[in-house]
Amino acid sequence: MSESADSQRCQICQVVIESSPGLPDTVQFSNGPKGSRSKLWSRVCQYVTDPDRQRICINQDSEGRGTEQAGDAFPDAPPIDLGKT
């Protein structure tokens, strides 16, 4: 994917966030369809705990990413019946 003047690439995870006036930002993940900043936060950015890396992460601003939406986080794995012995 090429980067435009209205895009940013994260130095940590290498995703590209594209900005368009009047539209929500879109995130191009390395695999799969585009998503939102809140999806990126739910799946990646919230796990950046090192303060030095948090300063580099381009998705740490809660106002910029908004609230988590349905489908942002990975779904929980279904329960597995291991049989009780």
PDB file of N, CA and C in Angstrom:
ATOM      1  N   MET A   1       0.837  -1.174   0.000  1.00  0.00           N
ATOM      2  CA  MET A   1       0.000   0.000   0.000  1.00  0.00           C
ATOM      3  C   MET A   1       0.878   1.231   0.000  1.00  0.00           C
ATOM      4  N   SER A   2       0.558   2.205  -0.787  1.00  0.00           N
ATOM      5  CA  SER A   2       1.342   3.436  -0.809  1.00  0.00           C
ATOM      6  C   SER A   2       0.763   4.404   0.208  1.00  0.00           C
ATOM      7  N   GLU A   3       1.616   5.255   0.733  1.00  0.00           N
ATOM      8  CA  GLU A   3       1.194   6.244   1.706  1.00  0.00           C
ATOM      9  C   GLU A   3       0.970   7.577   1.006  1.00  0.00           C
ATOM     10  N   SER A   4      -0.120   8.251   1.354  1.00  0.00           N
ATOM     11  CA  SER A   4      -0.402   9.569   0.801  1.00  0.00           C
ATOM     12  C   SER A   4      -0.011  10.624   1.831  1.00  0.00           C
ATOM     13  N   ALA A   5      -0.189  11.889   1.450  1.00  0.00           N
ATOM     14  CA  ALA A   5       0.129  12.985   2.362  1.00  0.00           C
ATOM     15  C   ALA A   5      -0.784  12.953   3.584  1.00  0.00           C
ATOM     16  N   ASP A   6      -1.959  12.339   3.466  1.00  0.00           N
ATOM     17  CA  ASP A   6      -2.924  12.278   4.555  1.00  0.00           C
ATOM     18  C   ASP A   6      -2.897  10.922   5.240  1.00  0.00           C
ATOM     19  N   SER A   7      -1.727  10.290   5.314  1.00  0.00           N
ATOM     20  CA  SER A   7      -1.626   9.005   5.992  1.00  0.00           C
ATOM     21  C   SER A   7      -0.417   9.006   6.917  1.00  0.00           C
ATOM     22  N   GLN A   8      -0.491   8.119   7.901  1.00  0.00           N
ATOM     23  CA  GLN A   8       0.596   7.941   8.853  1.00  0.00           C
ATOM     24  C   GLN A   8       0.903   6.456   8.940  1.00  0.00           C
ATOM     25  N   ARG A   9       2.175   6.105   9.091  1.00  0.00           N
ATOM     26  CA  ARG A   9       2.559   4.718   9.321  1.00  0.00           C
ATOM     27  C   ARG A   9       3.117   4.625  10.736  1.00  0.00           C
ATOM     28  N   CYS A  10       2.608   3.672  11.506  1.00  0.00           N
ATOM     29  CA  CYS A  10       3.087   3.467  12.863  1.00  0.00           C
ATOM     30  C   CYS A  10       4.450   2.786  12.827  1.00  0.00           C
ATOM     31  N   GLN A  11       5.403   3.341  13.547  1.00  0.00           N
ATOM     32  CA  GLN A  11       6.744   2.772  13.603  1.00  0.00           C
ATOM     33  C   GLN A  11       6.777   1.450  14.360  1.00  0.00           C
ATOM     34  N   ILE A  12       5.774   1.204  15.193  1.00  0.00           N
ATOM     35  CA  ILE A  12       5.766  -0.026  15.993  1.00  0.00           C
ATOM     36  C   ILE A  12       5.130  -1.179  15.229  1.00  0.00           C
ATOM     37  N   CYS A  13       3.885  -1.022  14.791  1.00  0.00           N
ATOM     38  CA  CYS A  13       3.168  -2.149  14.174  1.00  0.00           C
ATOM     39  C   CYS A  13       3.087  -2.057  12.647  1.00  0.00           C
ATOM     40  N   GLN A  14       3.509  -0.943  12.079  1.00  0.00           N
ATOM     41  CA  GLN A  14       3.574  -0.738  10.632  1.00  0.00           C
ATOM     42  C   GLN A  14       2.219  -0.604   9.930  1.00  0.00           C
ATOM     43  N   VAL A  15       1.109  -0.448  10.667  1.00  0.00           N
ATOM     44  CA  VAL A  15      -0.161  -0.196   9.997  1.00  0.00           C
ATOM     45  C   VAL A  15      -0.147   1.217   9.437  1.00  0.00           C
ATOM     46  N   VAL A  16      -0.995   1.438   8.439  1.00  0.00           N
ATOM     47  CA  VAL A  16      -1.148   2.767   7.852  1.00  0.00           C
ATOM     48  C   VAL A  16      -2.534   3.272   8.223  1.00  0.00           C
ATOM     49  N   ILE A  17      -2.585   4.492   8.756  1.00  0.00           N
ATOM     50  CA  ILE A  17      -3.852   5.142   9.076  1.00  0.00           C
ATOM     51  C   ILE A  17      -4.043   6.267   8.078  1.00  0.00           C
ATOM     52  N   GLU A  18      -5.166   6.185   7.335  1.00  0.00           N
ATOM     53  CA  GLU A  18      -5.477   7.181   6.309  1.00  0.00           C
ATOM     54  C   GLU A  18      -6.543   8.134   6.830  1.00  0.00           C
ATOM     55  N   SER A  19      -6.315   9.418   6.604  1.00  0.00           N
ATOM     56  CA  SER A  19      -7.267  10.453   7.015  1.00  0.00           C
ATOM     57  C   SER A  19      -7.877  11.102   5.783  1.00  0.00           C
ATOM     58  N   SER A  20      -9.198  11.259   5.805  1.00  0.00           N
ATOM     59  CA  SER A  20      -9.928  11.954   4.749  1.00  0.00           C
ATOM     60  C   SER A  20     -10.829  12.985   5.408  1.00  0.00           C
ATOM     61  N   PRO A  21     -10.801  14.229   4.937  1.00  0.00           N
ATOM     62  CA  PRO A  21     -11.636  15.273   5.537  1.00  0.00           C
ATOM     63  C   PRO A  21     -13.109  14.864   5.574  1.00  0.00           C
ATOM     64  N   GLY A  22     -13.717  15.007   6.732  1.00  0.00           N
ATOM     65  CA  GLY A  22     -15.137  14.718   6.882  1.00  0.00           C
ATOM     66  C   GLY A  22     -15.480  13.251   7.051  1.00  0.00           C
ATOM     67  N   LEU A  23     -14.487  12.368   7.011  1.00  0.00           N
ATOM     68  CA  LEU A  23     -14.733  10.929   7.162  1.00  0.00           C
ATOM     69  C   LEU A  23     -13.901  10.382   8.305  1.00  0.00           C
ATOM     70  N   PRO A  24     -14.342   9.275   8.911  1.00  0.00           N
ATOM     71  CA  PRO A  24     -13.512   8.667   9.955  1.00  0.00           C
ATOM     72  C   PRO A  24     -12.210   8.134   9.357  1.00  0.00           C
ATOM     73  N   ASP A  25     -11.149   8.146  10.164  1.00  0.00           N
ATOM     74  CA  ASP A  25      -9.882   7.577   9.721  1.00  0.00           C
ATOM     75  C   ASP A  25     -10.059   6.087   9.446  1.00  0.00           C
ATOM     76  N   THR A  26      -9.294   5.570   8.478  1.00  0.00           N
ATOM     77  CA  THR A  26      -9.319   4.138   8.205  1.00  0.00           C
ATOM     78  C   THR A  26      -7.925   3.562   8.413  1.00  0.00           C
ATOM     79  N   VAL A  27      -7.895   2.333   8.897  1.00  0.00           N
ATOM     80  CA  VAL A  27      -6.651   1.640   9.205  1.00  0.00           C
ATOM     81  C   VAL A  27      -6.496   0.488   8.228  1.00  0.00           C
ATOM     82  N   GLN A  28      -5.335   0.423   7.577  1.00  0.00           N
ATOM     83  CA  GLN A  28      -5.029  -0.696   6.690  1.00  0.00           C
ATOM     84  C   GLN A  28      -4.161  -1.676   7.482  1.00  0.00           C
ATOM     85  N   PHE A  29      -4.767  -2.777   7.881  1.00  0.00           N
ATOM     86  CA  PHE A  29      -4.048  -3.811   8.609  1.00  0.00           C
ATOM     87  C   PHE A  29      -3.170  -4.597   7.640  1.00  0.00           C
ATOM     88  N   SER A  30      -2.206  -5.329   8.173  1.00  0.00           N
ATOM     89  CA  SER A  30      -1.321  -6.111   7.307  1.00  0.00           C
ATOM     90  C   SER A  30      -2.066  -7.255   6.631  1.00  0.00           C
ATOM     91  N   ASN A  31      -3.192  -7.649   7.206  1.00  0.00           N
ATOM     92  CA  ASN A  31      -3.959  -8.749   6.654  1.00  0.00           C
ATOM     93  C   ASN A  31      -5.447  -8.457   6.870  1.00  0.00           C
ATOM     94  N   GLY A  32      -6.252  -8.662   5.868  1.00  0.00           N
ATOM     95  CA  GLY A  32      -7.689  -8.463   6.010  1.00  0.00           C
ATOM     96  C   GLY A  32      -8.153  -7.091   5.571  1.00  0.00           C
ATOM     97  N   PRO A  33      -9.443  -6.834   5.798  1.00  0.00           N
ATOM     98  CA  PRO A  33     -10.025  -5.568   5.344  1.00  0.00           C
ATOM     99  C   PRO A  33      -9.595  -4.393   6.214  1.00  0.00           C
ATOM    100  N   LYS A  34      -9.862  -3.193   5.695  1.00  0.00           N
ATOM    101  CA  LYS A  34      -9.590  -1.979   6.458  1.00  0.00           C
ATOM    102  C   LYS A  34     -10.490  -1.945   7.686  1.00  0.00           C
ATOM    103  N   GLY A  35     -10.054  -1.196   8.682  1.00  0.00           N
ATOM    104  CA  GLY A  35     -10.822  -1.069   9.912  1.00  0.00           C
ATOM    105  C   GLY A  35     -10.721   0.336  10.463  1.00  0.00           C
ATOM    106  N   SER A  36     -11.077   0.460  11.717  1.00  0.00           N
ATOM    107  CA  SER A  36     -11.103   1.760  12.392  1.00  0.00           C
ATOM    108  C   SER A  36      -9.972   1.861  13.414  1.00  0.00           C
ATOM    109  N   ARG A  37      -9.758   3.079  13.899  1.00  0.00           N
ATOM    110  CA  ARG A  37      -8.769   3.276  14.958  1.00  0.00           C
ATOM    111  C   ARG A  37      -9.170   2.506  16.215  1.00  0.00           C
ATOM    112  N   SER A  38     -10.481   2.426  16.506  1.00  0.00           N
ATOM    113  CA  SER A  38     -10.906   1.698  17.703  1.00  0.00           C
ATOM    114  C   SER A  38     -10.631   0.201  17.555  1.00  0.00           C
ATOM    115  N   LYS A  39     -10.746  -0.326  16.346  1.00  0.00           N
ATOM    116  CA  LYS A  39     -10.421  -1.735  16.108  1.00  0.00           C
ATOM    117  C   LYS A  39      -8.923  -1.963  16.291  1.00  0.00           C
ATOM    118  N   LEU A  40      -8.106  -1.054  15.782  1.00  0.00           N
ATOM    119  CA  LEU A  40      -6.664  -1.149  15.965  1.00  0.00           C
ATOM    120  C   LEU A  40      -6.317  -1.123  17.448  1.00  0.00           C
ATOM    121  N   TRP A  41      -6.970  -0.251  18.211  1.00  0.00           N
ATOM    122  CA  TRP A  41      -6.733  -0.181  19.645  1.00  0.00           C
ATOM    123  C   TRP A  41      -7.106  -1.509  20.321  1.00  0.00           C
ATOM    124  N   SER A  42      -8.279  -2.024  19.989  1.00  0.00           N
ATOM    125  CA  SER A  42      -8.766  -3.248  20.626  1.00  0.00           C
ATOM    126  C   SER A  42      -7.882  -4.453  20.349  1.00  0.00           C
ATOM    127  N   ARG A  43      -7.287  -4.470  19.167  1.00  0.00           N
ATOM    128  CA  ARG A  43      -6.515  -5.650  18.764  1.00  0.00           C
ATOM    129  C   ARG A  43      -5.013  -5.509  18.941  1.00  0.00           C
ATOM    130  N   VAL A  44      -4.508  -4.273  19.006  1.00  0.00           N
ATOM    131  CA  VAL A  44      -3.051  -4.088  19.035  1.00  0.00           C
ATOM    132  C   VAL A  44      -2.606  -3.093  20.104  1.00  0.00           C
ATOM    133  N   CYS A  45      -3.011  -1.848  19.962  1.00  0.00           N
ATOM    134  CA  CYS A  45      -2.407  -0.739  20.709  1.00  0.00           C
ATOM    135  C   CYS A  45      -2.566  -0.833  22.223  1.00  0.00           C
ATOM    136  N   GLN A  46      -3.664  -1.396  22.700  1.00  0.00           N
ATOM    137  CA  GLN A  46      -3.855  -1.464  24.147  1.00  0.00           C
ATOM    138  C   GLN A  46      -2.810  -2.348  24.823  1.00  0.00           C
ATOM    139  N   TYR A  47      -2.153  -3.184  24.053  1.00  0.00           N
ATOM    140  CA  TYR A  47      -1.141  -4.086  24.607  1.00  0.00           C
ATOM    141  C   TYR A  47       0.265  -3.470  24.626  1.00  0.00           C
ATOM    142  N   VAL A  48       0.387  -2.257  24.126  1.00  0.00           N
ATOM    143  CA  VAL A  48       1.670  -1.546  24.187  1.00  0.00           C
ATOM    144  C   VAL A  48       1.766  -0.952  25.592  1.00  0.00           C
ATOM    145  N   THR A  49       2.585  -1.558  26.445  1.00  0.00           N
ATOM    146  CA  THR A  49       2.655  -1.130  27.836  1.00  0.00           C
ATOM    147  C   THR A  49       3.947  -0.395  28.180  1.00  0.00           C
ATOM    148  N   ASP A  50       4.963  -0.526  27.362  1.00  0.00           N
ATOM    149  CA  ASP A  50       6.236   0.154  27.597  1.00  0.00           C
ATOM    150  C   ASP A  50       6.054   1.653  27.313  1.00  0.00           C
ATOM    151  N   PRO A  51       6.350   2.528  28.286  1.00  0.00           N
ATOM    152  CA  PRO A  51       6.153   3.975  28.088  1.00  0.00           C
ATOM    153  C   PRO A  51       6.879   4.541  26.860  1.00  0.00           C
ATOM    154  N   ASP A  52       8.070   4.060  26.572  1.00  0.00           N
ATOM    155  CA  ASP A  52       8.796   4.555  25.393  1.00  0.00           C
ATOM    156  C   ASP A  52       8.066   4.181  24.111  1.00  0.00           C
ATOM    157  N   ARG A  53       7.545   2.975  24.049  1.00  0.00           N
ATOM    158  CA  ARG A  53       6.803   2.544  22.861  1.00  0.00           C
ATOM    159  C   ARG A  53       5.439   3.232  22.776  1.00  0.00           C
ATOM    160  N   GLN A  54       4.823   3.511  23.926  1.00  0.00           N
ATOM    161  CA  GLN A  54       3.546   4.227  23.923  1.00  0.00           C
ATOM    162  C   GLN A  54       3.706   5.619  23.320  1.00  0.00           C
ATOM    163  N   ARG A  55       4.840   6.265  23.557  1.00  0.00           N
ATOM    164  CA  ARG A  55       5.073   7.597  22.979  1.00  0.00           C
ATOM    165  C   ARG A  55       5.197   7.524  21.459  1.00  0.00           C
ATOM    166  N   ILE A  56       5.637   6.402  20.936  1.00  0.00           N
ATOM    167  CA  ILE A  56       5.813   6.230  19.492  1.00  0.00           C
ATOM    168  C   ILE A  56       4.505   5.817  18.819  1.00  0.00           C
ATOM    169  N   CYS A  57       3.661   5.049  19.526  1.00  0.00           N
ATOM    170  CA  CYS A  57       2.392   4.545  18.966  1.00  0.00           C
ATOM    171  C   CYS A  57       1.518   5.722  18.524  1.00  0.00           C
ATOM    172  N   ILE A  58       1.003   5.674  17.315  1.00  0.00           N
ATOM    173  CA  ILE A  58       0.207   6.789  16.775  1.00  0.00           C
ATOM    174  C   ILE A  58      -1.283   6.670  17.096  1.00  0.00           C
ATOM    175  N   ASN A  59      -1.657   5.682  17.932  1.00  0.00           N
ATOM    176  CA  ASN A  59      -3.073   5.466  18.225  1.00  0.00           C
ATOM    177  C   ASN A  59      -3.332   5.427  19.733  1.00  0.00           C
ATOM    178  N   GLN A  60      -2.613   6.221  20.501  1.00  0.00           N
ATOM    179  CA  GLN A  60      -2.796   6.242  21.954  1.00  0.00           C
ATOM    180  C   GLN A  60      -3.826   7.282  22.403  1.00  0.00           C
ATOM    181  N   ASP A  61      -4.210   8.211  21.539  1.00  0.00           N
ATOM    182  CA  ASP A  61      -5.157   9.273  21.887  1.00  0.00           C
ATOM    183  C   ASP A  61      -6.578   8.733  21.884  1.00  0.00           C
ATOM    184  N   SER A  62      -7.205   8.676  23.060  1.00  0.00           N
ATOM    185  CA  SER A  62      -8.556   8.107  23.156  1.00  0.00           C
ATOM    186  C   SER A  62      -9.591   8.924  22.385  1.00  0.00           C
ATOM    187  N   GLU A  63      -9.403  10.219  22.266  1.00  0.00           N
ATOM    188  CA  GLU A  63     -10.351  11.038  21.506  1.00  0.00           C
ATOM    189  C   GLU A  63     -10.245  10.753  20.011  1.00  0.00           C
ATOM    190  N   GLY A  64      -9.050  10.464  19.533  1.00  0.00           N
ATOM    191  CA  GLY A  64      -8.849  10.186  18.114  1.00  0.00           C
ATOM    192  C   GLY A  64      -9.402   8.843  17.670  1.00  0.00           C
ATOM    193  N   ARG A  65      -9.396   7.880  18.576  1.00  0.00           N
ATOM    194  CA  ARG A  65      -9.843   6.534  18.195  1.00  0.00           C
ATOM    195  C   ARG A  65     -11.306   6.279  18.534  1.00  0.00           C
ATOM    196  N   GLY A  66     -11.863   7.037  19.463  1.00  0.00           N
ATOM    197  CA  GLY A  66     -13.252   6.848  19.845  1.00  0.00           C
ATOM    198  C   GLY A  66     -13.432   5.622  20.733  1.00  0.00           C
ATOM    199  N   THR A  67     -14.685   5.268  20.964  1.00  0.00           N
ATOM    200  CA  THR A  67     -14.987   4.130  21.833  1.00  0.00           C
ATOM    201  C   THR A  67     -14.992   2.833  21.038  1.00  0.00           C
ATOM    202  N   GLU A  68     -14.738   1.756  21.745  1.00  0.00           N
ATOM    203  CA  GLU A  68     -14.730   0.438  21.102  1.00  0.00           C
ATOM    204  C   GLU A  68     -16.126   0.106  20.573  1.00  0.00           C
ATOM    205  N   GLN A  69     -16.160  -0.398  19.362  1.00  0.00           N
ATOM    206  CA  GLN A  69     -17.413  -0.759  18.710  1.00  0.00           C
ATOM    207  C   GLN A  69     -17.574  -2.277  18.690  1.00  0.00           C
ATOM    208  N   ALA A  70     -18.791  -2.733  18.501  1.00  0.00           N
ATOM    209  CA  ALA A  70     -19.035  -4.171  18.374  1.00  0.00           C
ATOM    210  C   ALA A  70     -18.207  -4.702  17.207  1.00  0.00           C
ATOM    211  N   GLY A  71     -17.514  -5.799  17.414  1.00  0.00           N
ATOM    212  CA  GLY A  71     -16.700  -6.391  16.369  1.00  0.00           C
ATOM    213  C   GLY A  71     -15.270  -5.909  16.334  1.00  0.00           C
ATOM    214  N   ASP A  72     -14.919  -4.935  17.163  1.00  0.00           N
ATOM    215  CA  ASP A  72     -13.543  -4.437  17.190  1.00  0.00           C
ATOM    216  C   ASP A  72     -12.586  -5.482  17.763  1.00  0.00           C
ATOM    217  N   ALA A  73     -12.951  -6.049  18.891  1.00  0.00           N
ATOM    218  CA  ALA A  73     -12.079  -7.028  19.541  1.00  0.00           C
ATOM    219  C   ALA A  73     -12.237  -8.388  18.867  1.00  0.00           C
ATOM    220  N   PHE A  74     -11.216  -9.205  19.013  1.00  0.00           N
ATOM    221  CA  PHE A  74     -11.335 -10.573  18.517  1.00  0.00           C
ATOM    222  C   PHE A  74     -12.409 -11.277  19.339  1.00  0.00           C
ATOM    223  N   PRO A  75     -13.246 -12.101  18.726  1.00  0.00           N
ATOM    224  CA  PRO A  75     -14.270 -12.801  19.503  1.00  0.00           C
ATOM    225  C   PRO A  75     -13.622 -13.828  20.432  1.00  0.00           C
ATOM    226  N   ASP A  76     -14.295 -14.079  21.556  1.00  0.00           N
ATOM    227  CA  ASP A  76     -13.807 -15.102  22.474  1.00  0.00           C
ATOM    228  C   ASP A  76     -13.900 -16.463  21.794  1.00  0.00           C
ATOM    229  N   ALA A  77     -12.969 -17.304  22.106  1.00  0.00           N
ATOM    230  CA  ALA A  77     -12.984 -18.668  21.551  1.00  0.00           C
ATOM    231  C   ALA A  77     -14.163 -19.427  22.170  1.00  0.00           C
ATOM    232  N   PRO A  78     -14.797 -20.291  21.397  1.00  0.00           N
ATOM    233  CA  PRO A  78     -15.905 -21.060  21.964  1.00  0.00           C
ATOM    234  C   PRO A  78     -15.372 -22.031  23.020  1.00  0.00           C
ATOM    235  N   PRO A  79     -16.222 -22.374  23.990  1.00  0.00           N
ATOM    236  CA  PRO A  79     -15.782 -23.319  25.012  1.00  0.00           C
ATOM    237  C   PRO A  79     -15.502 -24.695  24.397  1.00  0.00           C
ATOM    238  N   ILE A  80     -14.549 -25.376  24.969  1.00  0.00           N
ATOM    239  CA  ILE A  80     -14.187 -26.715  24.498  1.00  0.00           C
ATOM    240  C   ILE A  80     -14.485 -27.707  25.604  1.00  0.00           C
ATOM    241  N   ASP A  81     -15.247 -28.721  25.283  1.00  0.00           N
ATOM    242  CA  ASP A  81     -15.558 -29.753  26.265  1.00  0.00           C
ATOM    243  C   ASP A  81     -14.408 -30.751  26.299  1.00  0.00           C
ATOM    244  N   LEU A  82     -13.633 -30.716  27.366  1.00  0.00           N
ATOM    245  CA  LEU A  82     -12.506 -31.613  27.508  1.00  0.00           C
ATOM    246  C   LEU A  82     -12.896 -32.884  28.268  1.00  0.00           C
ATOM    247  N   GLY A  83     -14.140 -32.964  28.648  1.00  0.00           N
ATOM    248  CA  GLY A  83     -14.600 -34.124  29.399  1.00  0.00           C
ATOM    249  C   GLY A  83     -14.029 -34.095  30.800  1.00  0.00           C
ATOM    250  N   LYS A  84     -14.869 -34.144  31.763  1.00  0.00           N
ATOM    251  CA  LYS A  84     -14.403 -34.074  33.158  1.00  0.00           C
ATOM    252  C   LYS A  84     -14.137 -35.474  33.656  1.00  0.00           C
ATOM    253  N   THR A  85     -12.973 -35.681  34.184  1.00  0.00           N
ATOM    254  CA  THR A  85     -12.630 -37.011  34.715  1.00  0.00           C
ATOM    255  C   THR A  85     -12.351 -36.933  36.189  1.00  0.00           C
TER     256      THR A  85
END
